[in-house]
Amino acid sequence: MQAKQINRRKLSADIPDKDERIRERIIQKLWRGITIDTEFTVRGGGKIEIISPGSWNHEEGPDFLNAMLRVNGKIIRGDVEIHQRSSDWTRHSHSQSPHYSNVILHAVMLDDLKDPVTPSGVPVFELPFSLPPKKDYQPQEIEENAETNFCRDFFHSASDEDARIFLTDAGIERFRNKSTAILSDMIAFGSDRAFLKYFFDAFGYKKNRTAFAKLFSRFSEYDRTEINQHSTTILWGESGLLPNQSKEAFPDDKMQSFVSDCWKQWWPLRKSAREKINWTRNAIRPLNSPERRLAALCIMLEKFENSPIDFFLRIVRSNTYPSAFWPAVRNILKIQCQLWENHASFGSILPKNVSLAGESFLLEITLNVILPSLYAYAVLKKDRTLSRYALDSYLILPPEQDNSIIRAAAEKWFKHPDKKRIILNSTALRQGTLHVYKEFCEKASGRCAQCLLSCSVRY
């Protein structure tokens, strides 16, 4: 890209270039305080109006999340990245990072490139002010999120018990919403098929959900007898992941034998030649490769014997108390597969054996699929004992792993870091945090004064 003529006085503050972090924090604070509902003109003649600058993100990823802009008359939501110069986008390799795929605006102090967009096509907006002297800012002011935060005041004044009750209720609502969606599919397609639809989805994570959904659709075309006898072969065959034996260099005889056996069993079963499923590998750890996820799914389906609801009902009947359900599931669904525990793909060996499904993943599918499905099935069958069991089991699940939303919510709501550890000590509480953040913070695009929840807290 060619540079254009620029006004370097905008960056003439008494902050050394090497102190880039302080410079960018000051620019972020200026963005946070930018005049809203005012129309600006961007290079190229477009019009932009900042409705909400978004929530200041102190974690990995874009500097502001869930902003709301009006661009050429159209309202859009997404993230905003802040830099000193527009060329910093390329220098920081943001085009190659999935964390920045939802960025809708690159706000900079100095637009030093010819093109009015980033290499990823994100519009560049040169901020309408200059960088002030460092002496005008105290360190704590630079780091501080300056927005008025009513939820933070609420959580600060509420007792730990009241905060837990509030978030637990939100977690229950999120659980029931998931169950309602599953129940709708159970009514339409049958209980086991509905369960498997969401089970396949869980193995896709964010990147390969569409691929696993397509695989489930193809898998469902086979009759029950074929699935009972050949579920693993059907899944590997329909996935399109099986390599060409004449072209692939296998790292060992075991993998070569596995692929050869799959092809031999697959040819008589395949329905027709189909377009290959598009699997995403970009920014995916080798341990979470499509091959390893599919291998884990195949093993679990064999455990279910094509009747997952009956499989988990047997676990319920064998473990009278809800407190025993998660330990039982964790133990029963533990996967052992020597071949795939030391392979990342058909052509890649891992330096050491790693389980296909660790405890954190098993917890994830328990809270997102297994228990909501049991609750939905209980509602379908009008079984109040089972619905109570499923909900109680959910409420006492151990805390799931942190994610960016939970970290952002804790940063936004809790004045003291210890609050997060004290309050968010169960999965239900963390699910409640996700529910509140998505239903209120995100929908208000970080504008606390317009958030329905904060309005109810104030009034």
Foldseek 3Di string as FASTA:
>chain_A
DDWDDWDCQLAVAPDDPVPFVLQQLLVLVCLQPDDAPDWDAAPVGKIKGFNHQAFQAPDPAARHFFTWMQINNRIDTGGEHEGAELCVCVVVPVVQDPSCPRHQEYEHCIYTHDDQAHPNRHGYGHDPHGRYYPVVDDVVRSPDNPDDALLQVVVVPDDLVVLLVLLLVLLVVLLLVLLVVLLVVCVVPNLLLSLVLVVLQLLLPPQGSVLSNVLSVQLVVDDLVCCLVPVLLSSVVLQLQQDDLVPADFPDPVLSVVSVVSVVVNPVPDPDDDDHRDGDDRPDDLLSGPVLSSVLVSVVCNQCSSPVLVSLVVLCVVPVALQVSLVVQLVSSFDDDVVSQQASGRHGGHPDGDGSADSLSSLVCLSNRVLSSQLSVCVVVVPPSSNVSSSVNQSAAFDHDDDSQLVSLCVSRHPDNVSCVSNRGHNSSSSSSVSCCVVFCSVVSNNNVPTPVSVVVVD
